[in-house]
Amino acid sequence: YPGGTRNDRFVDEVRAAGLEPGRPVYCLCRSGVRSMAAAEALTAAGLGPAYNVVDGFEGPHDAAQHRTLGGWKNSGLPWRQG
């Protein structure tokens, strides 16, 4: 959550963006924690099916506090920067 605060308008904003019930939506964040909450909120609101990308884009921290474990990027899935 940016600044550590939750967006209480999230579901309404997704509806306003045009997501229709029954249309799949995939949620992705850096670690998979915020996107899990997003997918759960959308599902509870009757939107989706909503899916969470497990471990997010960069995955959890390793012992050195770097994000090298799991996640989309570290699993070798396609991505590009810039």
Protein backbone atom coordinates (compact mmCIF):
# COMPACT_ATOMS: atom_id res chain seq x y z
CA TYR A 1 0.00 0.00 0.00
CA PRO A 2 1.56 3.34 -0.98
CA GLY A 3 2.45 5.18 2.20
CA GLY A 4 1.19 2.21 4.19
CA THR A 5 -2.45 3.14 3.61
CA ARG A 6 -5.13 1.06 1.98
CA ASN A 7 -7.21 2.40 -0.90
CA ASP A 8 -10.77 2.04 0.38
CA ARG A 9 -12.07 3.11 -3.05
CA PHE A 10 -10.21 0.33 -4.89
CA VAL A 11 -13.22 -1.81 -5.83
CA ASP A 12 -15.26 1.23 -6.87
CA GLU A 13 -12.35 2.48 -8.99
CA VAL A 14 -12.02 -0.90 -10.70
CA ARG A 15 -15.75 -0.92 -11.45
CA ALA A 16 -15.52 2.65 -12.79
CA ALA A 17 -12.65 1.53 -15.05
CA GLY A 18 -15.08 -0.90 -16.69
CA LEU A 19 -14.33 -4.34 -15.23
CA GLU A 20 -17.45 -6.40 -15.74
CA PRO A 21 -18.51 -9.27 -13.48
CA GLY A 22 -17.44 -12.59 -14.99
CA ARG A 23 -14.39 -11.11 -16.69
CA PRO A 24 -11.07 -12.41 -15.32
CA VAL A 25 -8.61 -10.01 -13.74
CA TYR A 26 -5.02 -10.70 -12.69
CA CYS A 27 -3.53 -8.80 -9.77
CA LEU A 28 0.23 -8.27 -9.49
CA CYS A 29 2.41 -6.29 -7.08
CA ARG A 30 6.06 -6.49 -6.07
CA SER A 31 5.78 -9.32 -3.52
CA GLY A 32 2.29 -10.77 -3.99
CA VAL A 33 0.94 -9.48 -0.67
CA ARG A 34 -0.96 -6.40 -1.84
CA SER A 35 -2.16 -8.16 -4.98
CA MET A 36 -3.59 -10.99 -2.85
CA ALA A 37 -5.61 -8.44 -0.88
CA ALA A 38 -6.73 -6.85 -4.16
CA ALA A 39 -7.84 -10.19 -5.63
CA GLU A 40 -9.72 -11.04 -2.43
CA ALA A 41 -11.47 -7.64 -2.40
CA LEU A 42 -12.53 -7.99 -6.04
CA THR A 43 -13.79 -11.52 -5.47
CA ALA A 44 -15.75 -10.46 -2.37
CA ALA A 45 -17.35 -7.68 -4.43
CA GLY A 46 -18.48 -10.17 -7.08
CA LEU A 47 -15.95 -9.08 -9.68
CA GLY A 48 -13.62 -11.38 -11.54
CA PRO A 49 -12.74 -14.21 -11.20
CA ALA A 50 -9.74 -12.42 -9.69
CA TYR A 51 -6.35 -14.10 -9.57
CA ASN A 52 -3.21 -13.23 -7.62
CA VAL A 53 0.21 -13.73 -9.21
CA VAL A 54 1.96 -15.70 -6.44
CA ASP A 55 5.10 -14.02 -5.09
CA GLY A 56 4.38 -10.95 -7.24
CA PHE A 57 6.90 -9.50 -9.65
CA GLU A 58 10.09 -9.68 -7.56
CA GLY A 59 9.23 -12.24 -4.86
CA PRO A 60 10.17 -12.32 -1.17
CA HIS A 61 13.44 -11.20 0.41
CA ASP A 62 16.42 -13.52 0.61
CA ALA A 63 18.74 -13.66 3.65
CA ALA A 64 20.50 -10.48 2.49
CA GLN A 65 17.15 -8.65 2.14
CA HIS A 66 17.33 -8.68 -1.67
CA ARG A 67 14.42 -9.84 -3.78
CA THR A 68 15.99 -12.81 -5.56
CA LEU A 69 13.57 -15.57 -4.53
CA GLY A 70 10.54 -16.39 -6.61
CA GLY A 71 8.34 -13.89 -8.32
CA TRP A 72 7.65 -13.34 -12.01
CA LYS A 73 11.03 -11.76 -12.77
CA ASN A 74 13.19 -14.28 -10.89
CA SER A 75 11.29 -17.23 -12.35
CA GLY A 76 12.54 -16.33 -15.82
CA LEU A 77 9.17 -15.25 -17.15
CA PRO A 78 9.16 -12.58 -19.88
CA TRP A 79 9.48 -8.93 -18.88
CA ARG A 80 11.26 -5.79 -19.96
CA GLN A 81 12.09 -2.50 -18.33
CA GLY A 82 11.64 0.93 -19.85
